Protein backbone atom coordinates (compact mmCIF):
# COMPACT_ATOMS: atom_id res chain seq x y z
CA MET A 1 107.70 111.43 113.16
CA THR A 2 107.49 111.12 116.94
CA GLU A 3 104.52 108.78 116.56
CA GLU A 4 106.49 106.69 114.08
CA ARG A 5 109.41 106.31 116.49
CA ASN A 6 107.00 105.28 119.27
CA ALA A 7 105.73 102.28 117.31
CA ARG A 8 105.43 99.09 119.33
CA ILE A 9 104.07 96.66 116.70
CA ALA A 10 105.34 95.62 113.26
CA TYR A 11 102.87 94.07 110.81
CA PHE A 12 104.62 91.94 108.17
CA SER A 13 102.90 90.81 104.99
CA MET A 14 104.26 89.77 101.60
CA GLU A 15 101.63 92.02 100.01
CA ILE A 16 99.98 95.17 101.32
CA ALA A 17 97.46 97.07 99.18
CA VAL A 18 97.59 100.69 100.30
CA ASP A 19 96.96 102.66 97.11
CA GLU A 20 95.44 101.98 93.69
CA ARG A 21 98.64 103.43 92.17
CA ILE A 22 100.77 100.70 93.82
CA PRO A 23 99.97 97.34 92.15
CA SER A 24 102.07 95.30 94.59
CA TYR A 25 99.26 92.97 95.71
CA ALA A 26 97.61 89.85 94.29
CA GLY A 27 94.23 89.87 95.98
CA GLY A 28 92.52 89.26 99.30
CA LEU A 29 95.61 88.87 101.49
CA GLY A 30 97.10 92.16 100.34
CA VAL A 31 93.82 94.04 100.48
CA LEU A 32 93.17 92.75 103.99
CA SER A 33 96.65 93.90 105.06
CA GLY A 34 96.01 97.38 103.74
CA ASP A 35 92.61 97.51 105.43
CA MET A 36 94.13 96.38 108.72
CA LEU A 37 96.73 99.15 108.66
CA ARG A 38 94.10 101.74 107.72
CA SER A 39 92.06 100.82 110.77
CA ASN A 40 95.18 100.82 112.95
CA ALA A 41 95.75 104.40 111.76
CA ASP A 42 92.13 105.32 112.49
CA LEU A 43 92.39 103.89 116.00
CA GLY A 44 95.81 105.41 116.72
CA ILE A 45 97.55 102.07 117.27
CA PRO A 46 101.40 102.35 117.40
CA ILE A 47 102.13 100.07 114.44
CA VAL A 48 104.17 100.00 111.22
CA GLY A 49 103.77 97.85 108.11
CA VAL A 50 106.56 95.96 106.33
CA THR A 51 106.36 94.45 102.83
CA LEU A 52 108.29 94.22 99.55
CA VAL A 53 108.10 96.80 96.78
CA HIS A 54 107.34 94.35 93.91
CA ARG A 55 108.55 96.66 91.16
CA GLN A 56 106.82 94.60 88.47
CA GLY A 57 103.71 94.06 90.56
CA TYR A 58 101.80 90.79 90.60
CA PHE A 59 101.08 90.98 86.87
CA ARG A 60 98.79 92.75 84.44
CA GLN A 61 96.17 90.34 83.13
CA ILE A 62 95.32 90.34 79.42
CA LEU A 63 92.36 88.26 78.19
CA ASP A 64 91.53 87.48 74.58
CA SER A 65 87.99 86.98 73.30
CA LYS A 66 88.00 83.34 74.41
CA GLY A 67 89.32 84.01 77.89
CA LYS A 68 92.90 82.93 77.32
CA GLN A 69 95.04 84.75 79.89
CA THR A 70 98.46 86.21 79.22
CA GLU A 71 100.51 88.27 81.62
CA LYS A 72 102.87 91.18 81.46
CA PRO A 73 104.66 93.16 84.20
CA GLU A 74 102.90 96.13 85.73
CA ASP A 75 104.39 99.45 84.73
CA TRP A 76 104.77 101.55 87.86
CA HIS A 77 107.52 103.60 89.42
CA PRO A 78 108.00 103.60 93.21
CA GLU A 79 109.62 107.03 93.17
CA SER A 80 106.38 108.55 91.83
CA VAL A 81 104.34 107.39 94.83
CA LEU A 82 106.71 106.46 97.66
CA GLU A 83 109.23 108.36 99.74
CA PRO A 84 112.84 107.05 99.58
CA LEU A 85 114.57 106.46 102.91
CA GLN A 86 118.30 106.69 103.61
CA PRO A 87 119.26 103.53 105.56
CA ILE A 88 120.62 100.55 103.65
CA VAL A 89 121.02 97.21 105.40
CA SER A 90 123.16 94.26 104.34
CA LEU A 91 121.84 90.72 104.30
CA ALA A 92 123.97 87.61 103.67
CA LEU A 93 122.30 85.21 101.20
CA ASN A 94 124.11 82.30 99.55
CA GLY A 95 127.44 83.78 100.56
CA ASN A 96 126.65 87.10 98.90
CA THR A 97 125.92 90.43 100.51
CA VAL A 98 122.52 91.76 99.42
CA LYS A 99 121.84 95.43 100.01
CA VAL A 100 118.28 96.40 100.95
CA ARG A 101 116.74 99.85 100.98
CA ALA A 102 113.21 100.99 101.92
CA TRP A 103 110.51 103.27 100.59
CA ARG A 104 107.85 104.73 102.87
CA TYR A 105 104.12 105.29 102.39
CA TRP A 106 102.04 107.09 105.01
CA ILE A 107 98.52 105.94 105.87
CA ASP A 108 96.51 108.79 107.40
CA GLY A 109 94.00 107.93 110.11
CA ILE A 110 90.73 109.79 110.46
CA MET A 111 91.85 111.44 113.72
CA GLY A 112 95.29 112.50 112.48
CA HIS A 113 97.41 109.50 113.48
CA LYS A 114 99.77 108.25 110.77
CA VAL A 115 101.00 104.70 110.12
CA PRO A 116 104.10 104.16 107.94
CA VAL A 117 104.37 101.23 105.54
CA TYR A 118 107.90 100.27 104.49
CA PHE A 119 108.43 98.73 101.04
CA LEU A 120 111.75 96.86 100.91
CA ASP A 121 113.75 97.04 97.68
CA THR A 122 116.94 95.35 96.41
CA ASP A 123 117.15 97.19 93.06
CA LEU A 124 120.37 98.97 94.00
CA PRO A 125 123.53 99.42 91.91
CA GLU A 126 125.60 97.82 94.69
CA ASN A 127 123.81 94.49 94.10
CA GLY A 128 124.45 91.94 91.38
CA SER A 129 122.05 91.68 88.44
CA PHE A 130 120.10 88.74 89.93
CA GLU A 131 119.95 90.22 93.44
CA ARG A 132 118.49 93.42 91.98
CA THR A 133 115.45 91.42 90.78
CA LEU A 134 114.63 89.82 94.14
CA THR A 135 111.95 92.38 95.01
CA ASN A 136 110.48 92.60 91.51
CA ASN A 137 107.73 89.97 91.36
CA LEU A 138 105.07 88.97 93.84
CA TYR A 139 104.80 85.17 94.14
CA GLY A 140 107.08 84.73 91.15
CA GLY A 141 110.20 82.72 90.44
CA ASP A 142 111.43 79.31 91.51
CA PRO A 143 111.96 78.04 95.10
CA TYR A 144 115.40 79.68 95.25
CA TYR A 145 113.87 83.06 94.38
CA ARG A 146 111.05 82.55 96.90
CA VAL A 147 113.38 81.71 99.81
CA CYS A 148 115.49 84.77 99.02
CA GLN A 149 112.37 86.96 98.95
CA GLU A 150 111.12 85.59 102.25
CA ALA A 151 114.52 86.14 103.87
CA ILE A 152 114.53 89.74 102.63
CA LEU A 153 111.04 90.32 104.00
CA GLY A 154 111.56 88.63 107.37
CA ILE A 155 115.25 89.05 108.24
CA GLY A 156 115.82 92.17 106.16
CA GLY A 157 112.59 93.67 107.47
CA VAL A 158 113.66 93.45 111.11
CA MET A 159 117.10 94.81 110.25
CA MET A 160 115.52 97.74 108.41
CA LEU A 161 113.21 98.53 111.31
CA ARG A 162 116.18 98.76 113.66
CA ALA A 163 118.15 100.86 111.13
CA LEU A 164 115.20 103.26 111.01
CA GLY A 165 115.28 103.65 114.78
CA HIS A 166 112.37 101.37 115.68
CA ASP A 167 114.04 99.96 118.78
CA GLY A 168 110.76 99.99 120.73
CA ILE A 169 108.99 97.50 118.51
CA ASN A 170 108.52 94.27 120.45
CA ARG A 171 105.44 92.74 118.78
CA PHE A 172 105.84 91.17 115.35
CA HIS A 173 102.66 90.15 113.56
CA MET A 174 103.23 87.69 110.70
CA ASN A 175 100.30 87.87 108.28
CA GLU A 176 100.72 84.43 106.71
CA CYS A 177 103.96 82.48 106.86
CA HIS A 178 105.93 84.37 104.18
CA SER A 179 107.61 86.57 106.79
CA SER A 180 108.31 83.94 109.43
CA LEU A 181 112.07 84.08 108.88
CA LEU A 182 111.90 87.28 110.93
CA ILE A 183 112.16 84.84 113.84
CA LEU A 184 115.80 84.28 112.85
CA ALA A 185 116.46 88.03 113.05
CA LEU A 186 114.88 88.18 116.51
CA LEU A 187 116.91 85.18 117.65
CA GLN A 188 120.06 86.90 116.39
CA GLU A 189 119.16 89.97 118.46
CA ARG A 190 118.60 87.71 121.44
CA VAL A 191 121.88 85.77 121.25
CA GLY A 192 124.02 88.83 120.47
CA ASN A 193 127.62 87.78 119.88
CA ARG A 194 126.85 84.10 120.29
CA THR A 195 126.34 81.99 117.19
CA LEU A 196 122.77 81.29 116.13
CA ALA A 197 123.52 77.60 116.37
CA SER A 198 123.78 78.08 120.15
CA VAL A 199 120.15 79.16 120.66
CA THR A 200 118.41 77.63 123.64
CA GLU A 201 114.78 77.00 124.47
CA ALA A 202 114.92 80.09 126.69
CA ASP A 203 115.99 82.15 123.65
CA ILE A 204 113.17 80.72 121.57
CA GLU A 205 110.66 81.38 124.36
CA SER A 206 111.78 84.99 124.57
CA VAL A 207 111.21 85.43 120.82
CA ARG A 208 107.93 83.51 121.02
CA GLN A 209 106.54 86.10 123.41
CA GLN A 210 107.07 88.78 120.76
CA CYS A 211 105.39 87.02 117.82
CA ILE A 212 101.83 86.72 116.52
CA PHE A 213 100.90 84.52 113.57
CA THR A 214 97.78 84.69 111.40
CA THR A 215 97.22 81.78 109.04
CA HIS A 216 94.90 82.16 106.05
CA THR A 217 95.34 78.79 104.36
CA PRO A 218 93.21 75.72 105.18
CA VAL A 219 95.20 73.47 102.83
CA ALA A 220 98.50 72.02 104.07
CA ALA A 221 99.79 71.56 100.51
CA ALA A 222 99.70 75.34 100.03
CA PHE A 223 102.10 76.11 102.88
CA ASP A 224 105.61 77.36 102.11
CA GLU A 225 108.00 74.43 102.46
CA PHE A 226 111.51 74.16 101.01
CA PRO A 227 114.26 71.48 100.98
CA ILE A 228 116.62 71.90 103.90
CA GLU A 229 119.57 71.78 101.49
CA LEU A 230 118.18 74.83 99.67
CA ALA A 231 117.61 76.62 102.96
CA THR A 232 121.17 75.88 104.06
CA LYS A 233 122.60 77.09 100.76
CA ILE A 234 120.75 80.42 100.95
CA LEU A 235 120.54 81.11 104.69
CA GLY A 236 123.75 79.43 105.84
CA ALA A 237 124.40 76.54 108.20
CA ASP A 238 124.33 78.72 111.32
CA ARG A 239 120.80 80.00 110.67
CA VAL A 240 119.51 76.57 109.70
CA ALA A 241 121.01 75.09 112.89
CA ALA A 242 118.91 77.60 114.82
CA LEU A 243 115.81 76.66 112.81
CA GLU A 244 116.37 73.02 113.66
CA GLN A 245 116.06 73.90 117.35
CA THR A 246 112.39 74.65 116.63
CA ASN A 247 109.88 72.22 115.16
CA CYS A 248 110.02 73.70 111.67
CA CYS A 249 112.21 71.19 109.84
CA PRO A 250 110.28 67.90 109.61
CA ARG A 251 111.13 65.38 106.92
CA GLY A 252 114.16 67.31 105.71
CA LYS A 253 112.09 70.37 104.83
CA MET A 254 112.04 73.94 106.12
CA ASN A 255 108.35 74.50 106.81
CA LEU A 256 107.65 78.18 107.41
CA VAL A 257 104.17 77.58 108.82
CA SER A 258 105.64 75.24 111.44
CA LEU A 259 108.24 77.88 112.26
CA ALA A 260 105.58 80.54 112.77
CA LEU A 261 103.38 78.20 114.84
CA ASP A 262 106.23 77.07 117.05
CA CYS A 263 107.60 80.55 117.69
CA SER A 264 104.41 82.58 118.26
CA HIS A 265 102.60 83.14 121.53
CA TYR A 266 99.31 83.74 119.67
CA THR A 267 98.07 82.07 116.48
CA ASN A 268 94.73 82.62 114.84
CA GLY A 269 92.64 81.65 111.86
CA VAL A 270 90.58 84.26 110.04
CA ALA A 271 87.04 83.03 110.72
CA MET A 272 85.41 80.85 113.35
CA GLN A 273 85.12 77.97 110.90
CA HIS A 274 88.71 78.43 109.72
CA GLY A 275 89.92 78.44 113.32
CA LYS A 276 88.33 75.01 113.79
CA VAL A 277 89.81 73.68 110.55
CA SER A 278 93.25 75.02 111.49
CA GLN A 279 93.03 73.48 114.96
CA GLN A 280 92.37 70.09 113.36
CA MET A 281 95.38 70.59 111.08
CA PHE A 282 97.67 71.62 113.95
CA PRO A 283 96.41 69.86 117.10
CA LYS A 284 99.66 70.54 119.02
CA TYR A 285 99.10 74.31 119.01
CA PRO A 286 96.24 76.42 120.37
CA ILE A 287 94.56 78.12 117.39
CA HIS A 288 92.27 81.07 118.06
CA ALA A 289 89.93 82.78 115.60
CA ILE A 290 89.58 86.44 114.70
CA THR A 291 87.21 86.79 111.77
CA ASN A 292 88.40 89.14 109.05
CA GLY A 293 86.80 92.43 108.12
CA VAL A 294 87.22 95.28 105.66
CA HIS A 295 87.98 98.98 106.08
CA ALA A 296 84.52 100.49 106.01
CA ALA A 297 85.33 103.93 104.63
CA THR A 298 87.52 102.50 101.85
CA TRP A 299 84.95 100.02 100.53
CA THR A 300 81.78 102.03 100.97
CA SER A 301 80.86 103.57 97.61
CA PRO A 302 80.60 107.37 97.25
CA PRO A 303 76.77 107.32 97.13
CA PHE A 304 76.54 105.32 100.37
CA GLN A 305 79.29 107.40 102.00
CA GLU A 306 77.17 110.48 101.34
CA LEU A 307 74.08 108.74 102.73
CA PHE A 308 75.87 107.55 105.88
CA ASP A 309 77.54 110.93 106.44
CA ARG A 310 74.10 112.52 106.36
CA ARG A 311 72.12 109.94 108.33
CA ILE A 312 74.77 108.30 110.56
CA PRO A 313 77.54 110.91 110.97
CA GLU A 314 79.42 108.82 113.56
CA TRP A 315 79.96 105.83 111.25
CA ARG A 316 83.51 106.64 110.13
CA ARG A 317 84.80 107.10 113.67
CA ASP A 318 82.86 104.14 115.06
CA ASN A 319 81.77 101.54 112.50
CA LEU A 320 79.36 99.98 114.98
CA TYR A 321 77.07 102.95 114.35
CA LEU A 322 76.23 101.34 111.01
CA ARG A 323 73.73 99.34 113.07
CA HIS A 324 71.62 102.49 112.82
CA ALA A 325 71.25 101.90 109.08
CA ILE A 326 68.24 99.81 110.06
CA GLY A 327 66.44 103.15 110.53
CA ILE A 328 67.16 104.48 107.03
CA GLY A 329 64.16 104.46 104.70
CA LEU A 330 63.94 101.75 102.07
CA ASP A 331 63.50 104.31 99.31
CA GLU A 332 66.82 105.91 100.26
CA ILE A 333 68.54 102.53 100.28
CA GLN A 334 67.22 101.71 96.81
CA GLU A 335 68.03 105.12 95.35
CA THR A 336 71.54 105.08 96.77
CA HIS A 337 72.23 101.58 95.44
CA LEU A 338 70.98 102.60 92.00
CA ALA A 339 73.48 105.47 92.02
CA ALA A 340 76.30 103.01 92.83
CA LYS A 341 75.02 100.64 90.16
CA ARG A 342 75.11 103.39 87.55
CA LEU A 343 78.71 104.22 88.45
CA MET A 344 79.68 100.59 87.84
CA LEU A 345 77.75 100.34 84.58
CA ALA A 346 79.29 103.53 83.26
CA GLU A 347 82.80 102.20 83.94
CA ILE A 348 81.97 98.83 82.35
CA LYS A 349 80.71 100.59 79.23
CA ARG A 350 83.81 102.78 79.12
CA ALA A 351 86.19 99.83 79.57
CA ASN A 352 84.75 97.26 77.17
CA GLY A 353 81.63 98.71 75.57
CA ALA A 354 79.19 96.35 77.29
CA LYS A 355 75.74 97.80 77.94
CA PHE A 356 73.87 96.28 80.86
CA ASN A 357 70.28 97.10 81.78
CA GLU A 358 70.20 98.95 85.09
CA THR A 359 66.69 97.68 85.90
CA SER A 360 67.67 94.00 85.53
CA MET A 361 69.27 92.10 88.39
CA ILE A 362 73.05 91.75 88.24
CA LEU A 363 74.96 88.93 89.92
CA GLY A 364 78.60 89.60 90.79
CA PHE A 365 81.47 87.12 91.24
CA ALA A 366 85.03 88.44 91.51
CA ARG A 367 87.97 86.86 93.28
CA ARG A 368 91.19 85.00 92.58
CA ALA A 369 90.62 82.49 89.77
CA THR A 370 91.58 79.14 91.24
CA ALA A 371 89.92 75.73 91.29
CA TYR A 372 88.44 75.67 94.81
CA LYS A 373 86.65 79.00 94.25
CA ARG A 374 84.51 77.21 91.62
CA ALA A 375 83.73 80.30 89.55
CA ASP A 376 81.97 78.13 86.97
CA LEU A 377 79.48 76.49 89.36
CA LEU A 378 76.75 78.87 88.19
CA PHE A 379 77.10 77.49 84.67
CA SER A 380 76.70 73.81 85.55
CA ASP A 381 73.41 73.60 83.63
CA LEU A 382 72.97 76.26 80.94
CA ASP A 383 69.52 75.02 79.94
CA ARG A 384 68.31 75.39 83.52
CA LEU A 385 69.70 78.93 83.62
CA ARG A 386 67.87 79.81 80.40
CA ALA A 387 64.64 78.41 81.82
CA ILE A 388 65.04 80.40 85.05
CA ARG A 389 65.59 83.57 83.06
CA GLN A 390 62.54 82.87 80.88
CA ARG A 391 60.19 82.18 83.79
CA TYR A 392 61.31 84.53 86.52
CA GLY A 393 62.97 87.49 84.88
CA PRO A 394 66.20 88.67 83.31
CA PHE A 395 69.54 88.71 85.07
CA GLN A 396 73.09 89.57 84.13
CA VAL A 397 76.45 88.39 85.48
CA VAL A 398 79.74 90.23 86.03
CA TYR A 399 82.95 88.26 86.69
CA GLY A 400 86.49 89.28 87.54
CA GLY A 401 89.71 87.76 88.84
CA LYS A 402 93.24 86.75 87.91
CA ALA A 403 94.70 83.24 87.75
CA HIS A 404 98.30 82.84 88.90
CA PRO A 405 100.55 82.28 85.86
CA SER A 406 101.34 78.77 87.16
CA ASP A 407 97.72 77.92 88.00
CA LYS A 408 96.58 76.12 84.87
CA GLU A 409 93.28 75.03 86.44
CA GLY A 410 92.50 78.65 87.29
CA GLN A 411 93.21 79.71 83.72
CA VAL A 412 90.92 76.96 82.43
CA LEU A 413 88.16 78.32 84.68
CA ILE A 414 88.41 81.73 83.05
CA ARG A 415 88.10 80.14 79.62
CA LYS A 416 85.07 78.12 80.76
CA ILE A 417 83.32 81.28 81.88
CA HIS A 418 83.98 82.86 78.48
CA GLU A 419 82.59 79.74 76.79
CA ALA A 420 79.44 79.92 78.92
CA ALA A 421 79.11 83.64 78.18
CA ALA A 422 79.23 82.90 74.45
CA ALA A 423 76.63 80.13 74.78
CA LEU A 424 74.29 82.35 76.83
CA LYS A 425 74.84 85.48 74.77
CA LYS A 426 71.26 85.70 73.44
CA THR A 427 69.56 85.23 76.82
CA ILE A 428 71.86 86.09 79.76
CA PRO A 429 74.57 88.76 79.36
CA VAL A 430 77.84 87.70 81.01
CA ILE A 431 81.07 89.72 81.04
CA TYR A 432 84.49 89.11 82.54
CA ILE A 433 86.38 92.19 83.79
CA GLU A 434 90.01 92.14 82.70
CA ASN A 435 92.76 92.88 85.25
CA TYR A 436 90.51 92.95 88.32
CA ASP A 437 92.03 95.21 91.00
CA MET A 438 91.05 97.55 93.85
CA HIS A 439 89.48 100.01 91.41
CA TRP A 440 87.18 97.38 89.95
CA GLY A 441 86.64 95.81 93.34
CA LYS A 442 85.13 99.02 94.69
CA LEU A 443 82.83 99.33 91.69
CA LEU A 444 81.62 95.73 91.52
CA THR A 445 81.05 95.05 95.20
CA ALA A 446 78.87 98.18 95.36
CA GLY A 447 77.21 98.06 91.93
CA VAL A 448 75.88 94.52 91.54
CA ASP A 449 72.58 93.50 93.12
CA VAL A 450 73.61 90.12 94.59
CA TRP A 451 77.11 88.91 95.46
CA LEU A 452 77.76 85.28 94.53
CA ASN A 453 80.33 83.02 96.22
CA THR A 454 80.59 79.28 95.60
CA PRO A 455 83.80 77.89 97.16
CA HIS A 456 84.44 74.22 97.80
CA ARG A 457 83.95 73.74 101.55
CA PRO A 458 86.01 74.05 103.77
CA TYR A 459 88.66 75.78 101.66
CA GLU A 460 87.41 79.36 101.98
CA ALA A 461 89.39 80.53 105.01
CA SER A 462 87.38 83.74 105.28
CA GLY A 463 86.68 85.75 102.13
CA THR A 464 86.14 89.51 102.31
CA SER A 465 84.44 90.49 99.05
CA GLY A 466 81.01 89.75 100.48
CA MET A 467 81.81 91.99 103.45
CA LYS A 468 82.54 94.87 101.06
CA SER A 469 79.24 94.20 99.33
CA ALA A 470 77.36 94.23 102.63
CA LEU A 471 78.60 97.76 103.38
CA ASN A 472 76.89 98.81 100.15
CA GLY A 473 73.62 97.04 100.77
CA VAL A 474 74.43 94.12 98.44
CA PRO A 475 73.32 90.79 99.96
CA SER A 476 75.25 87.56 99.41
CA LEU A 477 74.16 84.29 97.83
CA SER A 478 76.92 82.04 99.09
CA VAL A 479 78.08 78.60 100.14
CA LEU A 480 78.22 78.41 103.93
CA ASP A 481 81.98 78.63 104.36
CA GLY A 482 84.44 81.18 105.73
CA TRP A 483 82.92 84.39 107.08
CA TRP A 484 79.46 83.60 105.66
CA VAL A 485 78.92 80.96 108.33
CA GLU A 486 78.82 83.89 110.77
CA GLY A 487 77.28 86.57 108.52
CA HIS A 488 74.45 84.50 107.06
CA LEU A 489 70.88 84.98 108.29
CA GLU A 490 68.64 83.35 105.72
CA GLY A 491 66.42 85.90 104.03
CA VAL A 492 67.76 88.65 106.30
CA THR A 493 71.35 89.31 105.18
CA GLY A 494 71.22 87.09 102.10
CA TRP A 495 70.85 83.43 101.21
CA SER A 496 72.79 80.20 101.54
CA VAL A 497 73.86 77.82 98.81
CA GLY A 498 73.58 74.32 100.23
CA THR A 499 73.69 73.59 103.95
CA ASN A 500 76.19 73.59 106.79
CA GLU A 501 76.66 69.87 106.27
CA ASP A 502 78.98 68.37 103.67
CA SER A 503 77.05 67.98 100.44
CA ALA A 504 77.80 66.77 96.93
CA PRO A 505 78.44 69.40 94.24
CA GLU A 506 75.23 68.31 92.52
CA ALA A 507 73.23 69.21 95.62
CA GLU A 508 74.92 72.61 95.83
CA VAL A 509 74.15 73.31 92.16
CA ALA A 510 70.52 72.37 92.75
CA SER A 511 70.39 74.64 95.79
CA LEU A 512 71.94 77.54 93.85
CA TYR A 513 69.39 77.25 91.06
CA ASP A 514 66.47 76.78 93.46
CA LYS A 515 67.40 79.92 95.39
CA LEU A 516 67.69 81.96 92.21
CA GLU A 517 64.45 80.59 90.81
CA ARG A 518 62.20 80.50 93.87
CA VAL A 519 63.59 83.18 96.18
CA VAL A 520 66.03 85.76 94.84
CA LEU A 521 64.56 86.65 91.43
CA PRO A 522 60.91 86.66 92.62
CA LEU A 523 61.90 88.87 95.56
CA TYR A 524 63.84 91.26 93.33
CA TYR A 525 61.09 91.71 90.76
CA ALA A 526 57.81 91.07 92.61
CA ARG A 527 58.62 92.29 96.12
CA SER A 528 61.25 94.99 95.64
CA ARG A 529 60.69 96.54 99.06
CA ALA A 530 61.23 93.19 100.75
CA PHE A 531 64.46 92.87 98.73
CA ALA A 532 65.42 96.35 99.95
CA GLU A 533 64.88 95.17 103.53
CA VAL A 534 67.52 92.48 102.95
CA MET A 535 69.82 95.17 101.53
CA ARG A 536 69.33 97.34 104.60
CA SER A 537 69.86 94.44 107.00
CA SER A 538 73.12 93.57 105.23
CA ILE A 539 74.45 97.00 106.13
CA ALA A 540 73.10 97.09 109.68
CA LEU A 541 74.06 93.55 110.70
CA ASN A 542 77.09 92.65 108.57
CA GLY A 543 78.54 96.02 107.64
CA SER A 544 78.62 97.10 111.27
CA PHE A 545 80.51 93.97 112.40
CA PHE A 546 82.67 92.62 109.57
CA ASN A 547 85.05 95.56 109.48
CA THR A 548 88.73 95.94 110.35
CA GLN A 549 87.97 98.41 113.12
CA ARG A 550 86.53 95.48 115.08
CA VAL A 551 89.32 93.15 113.86
CA VAL A 552 92.12 95.48 115.02
CA SER A 553 90.44 95.91 118.40
CA GLN A 554 90.40 92.13 118.82
CA TYR A 555 94.09 91.84 117.94
CA VAL A 556 94.96 94.58 120.43
CA MET A 557 93.04 92.91 123.24
CA ASN A 558 93.88 89.28 122.50
CA ALA A 559 97.24 89.22 120.71
CA TYR A 560 99.22 92.45 120.90
CA PHE A 561 98.70 93.47 124.53
CA PRO A 562 96.82 90.70 126.33
CA LYS A 563 96.35 90.70 130.09
CA PHE A 564 99.21 88.37 130.96
CA GLY A 565 100.52 88.14 134.50
CA SER A 566 103.86 89.53 135.64
CA ASP A 567 105.49 86.10 135.20
CA GLN A 568 104.95 86.12 131.44
CA GLY A 569 108.31 87.50 130.36
CA ALA A 570 108.23 89.99 127.52
CA LEU A 571 104.48 90.48 127.81
CA SER A 572 104.59 91.57 131.42
CA ASP A 573 104.83 95.20 130.31
CA LYS A 574 101.10 95.24 129.61
CA SER A 575 100.44 98.21 131.85
CA ALA A 576 102.84 100.47 129.99
CA ASP A 577 101.49 99.20 126.68
CA SER A 578 97.91 99.85 127.72
CA GLU A 579 98.74 103.33 128.93
CA GLU A 580 100.43 104.10 125.63
CA LEU A 581 97.35 103.01 123.68
CA VAL A 582 94.91 104.95 125.84
CA GLY A 583 94.56 108.48 124.62
CA ARG A 584 95.92 107.83 121.14
CA LYS A 585 93.06 109.35 119.20
């Protein structure tokens, strides 16, 4: 409890995946958030997490035999997993008082440090029937619902932290723009009894020195933006007057990305390439880059955990020791991967009765089903795929991923994959895992033989599934976008689809088929030890670097407690901050 009260940083995210029993996440953003907080706990960083409880989850995906997706709410009960907390805060929205409570989940670090995650909840009898639903659905509802949710997360989150006694928190990390209304809460703290409409540039600068913003979206159309009239109705004229003192209200819209950019002292993209793309999108602001990672111990399969514990005992405490995987024998790598593959195949058979051949190569593709991910690129030419299978050996394909209920293109993609699976049934087994989640993610990223990723460049901000695969000795076959620009060494950690230059989809399809036909399948079947060398290099080179232990260290050094001079306002307490971090083991 003392460690909790000493927290200095608050990490805000609309979704945080901390436990397979808590389905309050949609995909990569939530999983990354959970991984970040796990590594903060491992490193003893004084941080807390803030999110919403999402009582009905994202949704449970149901697929029929033709791939048509339907959704239903997740059935879970916060009280069975989370600890209820006493404070209740009151938030004014649309002239109503909305009561907010919190639930707590503890993340245990490997050295004994604990990080609390607070799940905010409005399902209280004191609230009206509509207000009680505001923390039910992740990314659900209309714009009115979304603004209310984001106000609860940002404004209500800061209020809850103070009610819980977190007066020492003075760094606020916004993971995506959904929480950027926390800036209003910080401005309110700054102005005290003055009206928010009276904020000055000095007030904004003071808040700016407390805020960090990480953007994950390389498409401007995907940013949260709402009509100023709607914002005024929900937030009130006083708060909107304060927002208009920043640069977040262009063209009569409340743009939450602009708010976060304008009121943060540090902004970053989530890969080197994404940092460049973001800088082009926002030339007025300095955009840094901290490439994402994954929590190594969480995403390493049990067989590889046992191998690493035996051969590299330091790997959990210091992920960089995974470099030493280069000294593990190829036979051990192959045997350990086969054990992980069998775990996946057993679960696939249990779940849907499919029987895959463990000696045949398996391609894996699992991520959010949306158009730019291009899940169907592999099936651009079914005759060519049949010919490749006939000439160079059998292969199988496992898919997974949910399409947002409003994403009709994503739902069409799922149906296209089912159509291709039916057409290829006699030659190439293809299955689609229903309701892909953390459980399936752990199995697939460890159990397939090659991880496939075919996004439309440059729309993959980072991507983390291939990083999880690398920890398990599974090389990637991927378009050169996001993290793979940095992780790709041709024939060493995997293989590229296409080139670094812009290329037509037809050229990328040709490249994908050529790599399968001339490189990957021949290596897998005719030179298995050479394939195992690629597996081993994936662990040693990519697993040792693309992890959240490294990511958190970069945030600490560059964003949370940078070496600013004594004239830098709120960040001039760097010495005390550094001393507090040193020795937290």
